[in-house]
Amino acid sequence: MSITKDQVIHVSKLARLKFSDDELEKFSHQLDSIIKYVDKLNELNTDGVEPTAHIVPISNVFREDEVVPSMDREKILMNAKEKEDGCFKVPKIIE
């Protein structure tokens, strides 16, 4: 599978980024190289290899969840450009 220029354009629109034709061409080649490298890694035999999320064994370092009062909604929305029904109102993403 190779990454096409159209796929890069699609992702760039979702991220609201604009690129020149040269950049789109460059990024499609770079992303294609990354995907091919990951495919190469998929060829490795990982039978018996335990999945890891961290290179060093660690336990839960997060604090216990604790219910605390939230910030005042009006204070949070005070500087919002637009708001509606107590929420931030943002522009619709058009594909």
Protein backbone atom coordinates (compact mmCIF):
# COMPACT_ATOMS: atom_id res chain seq x y z
CA MET A 1 0.00 0.00 0.00
CA SER A 2 1.36 3.40 -0.80
CA ILE A 3 0.24 6.81 0.37
CA THR A 4 -1.16 8.93 -2.41
CA LYS A 5 -1.08 12.66 -2.82
CA ASP A 6 -4.90 12.65 -2.53
CA GLN A 7 -4.67 10.95 0.87
CA VAL A 8 -2.22 13.58 2.08
CA ILE A 9 -4.58 16.30 0.82
CA HIS A 10 -7.48 14.65 2.68
CA VAL A 11 -5.56 14.46 5.96
CA SER A 12 -4.26 18.02 5.56
CA LYS A 13 -7.84 19.28 5.12
CA LEU A 14 -8.91 17.45 8.28
CA ALA A 15 -6.00 19.09 10.12
CA ARG A 16 -6.77 22.44 8.45
CA LEU A 17 -3.28 22.63 6.96
CA LYS A 18 -2.40 24.00 3.56
CA PHE A 19 0.59 22.73 1.62
CA SER A 20 2.13 23.59 -1.71
CA ASP A 21 2.21 20.98 -4.46
CA ASP A 22 5.91 20.39 -3.73
CA GLU A 23 5.18 19.81 -0.05
CA LEU A 24 2.30 17.44 -0.84
CA GLU A 25 4.58 15.43 -3.10
CA LYS A 26 7.34 15.39 -0.48
CA PHE A 27 4.99 14.39 2.35
CA SER A 28 3.36 11.62 0.32
CA HIS A 29 6.81 10.08 -0.30
CA GLN A 30 7.84 10.51 3.35
CA LEU A 31 4.62 9.00 4.69
CA ASP A 32 4.89 6.16 2.20
CA SER A 33 8.40 5.41 3.49
CA ILE A 34 7.14 5.36 7.08
CA ILE A 35 4.30 2.96 6.21
CA LYS A 36 6.72 0.65 4.34
CA TYR A 37 9.05 0.63 7.36
CA VAL A 38 6.20 -0.30 9.71
CA ASP A 39 5.17 -3.06 7.26
CA LYS A 40 8.75 -4.34 7.39
CA LEU A 41 8.54 -4.47 11.19
CA ASN A 42 5.34 -6.53 10.87
CA GLU A 43 7.44 -9.28 9.26
CA LEU A 44 9.25 -9.91 12.56
CA ASN A 45 8.34 -13.04 14.48
CA THR A 46 6.97 -11.80 17.79
CA ASP A 47 5.67 -15.12 19.09
CA GLY A 48 6.29 -15.27 22.80
CA VAL A 49 7.08 -11.56 23.03
CA GLU A 50 4.85 -9.93 25.61
CA PRO A 51 3.28 -6.64 24.50
CA THR A 52 4.59 -3.61 26.36
CA ALA A 53 3.43 -0.06 26.79
CA HIS A 54 6.62 1.12 28.45
CA ILE A 55 10.22 -0.05 28.22
CA VAL A 56 10.68 -0.01 32.01
CA PRO A 57 8.26 -1.98 34.20
CA ILE A 58 6.16 0.55 36.09
CA SER A 59 3.00 0.47 38.12
CA ASN A 60 0.19 2.98 38.06
CA VAL A 61 1.81 6.31 38.83
CA PHE A 62 -1.42 8.26 38.64
CA ARG A 63 -3.18 9.61 41.68
CA GLU A 64 -6.50 8.22 42.81
CA ASP A 65 -9.53 9.80 41.20
CA GLU A 66 -11.04 12.36 43.47
CA VAL A 67 -14.32 14.21 42.96
CA VAL A 68 -13.71 17.95 43.18
CA PRO A 69 -15.89 20.91 42.23
CA SER A 70 -15.62 21.96 38.59
CA MET A 71 -14.85 25.47 37.43
CA ASP A 72 -17.78 27.80 36.92
CA ARG A 73 -19.13 27.32 33.38
CA GLU A 74 -19.74 31.04 32.83
CA LYS A 75 -16.19 31.84 33.90
CA ILE A 76 -14.83 29.25 31.45
CA LEU A 77 -16.93 30.63 28.59
CA MET A 78 -16.30 34.27 29.50
CA ASN A 79 -13.76 34.86 26.68
CA ALA A 80 -15.25 32.43 24.15
CA LYS A 81 -15.62 33.93 20.71
CA GLU A 82 -18.98 32.17 20.35
CA LYS A 83 -21.01 30.08 22.77
CA GLU A 84 -24.33 28.27 22.65
CA ASP A 85 -26.30 26.46 25.36
CA GLY A 86 -23.40 26.65 27.81
CA CYS A 87 -20.86 25.20 25.34
CA PHE A 88 -18.15 26.55 23.05
CA LYS A 89 -19.45 27.02 19.52
CA VAL A 90 -16.90 26.26 16.84
CA PRO A 91 -17.05 26.34 13.04
CA LYS A 92 -18.23 23.22 11.27
CA ILE A 93 -15.49 21.22 9.55
CA ILE A 94 -16.26 21.03 5.85
CA GLU A 95 -14.62 18.31 3.82
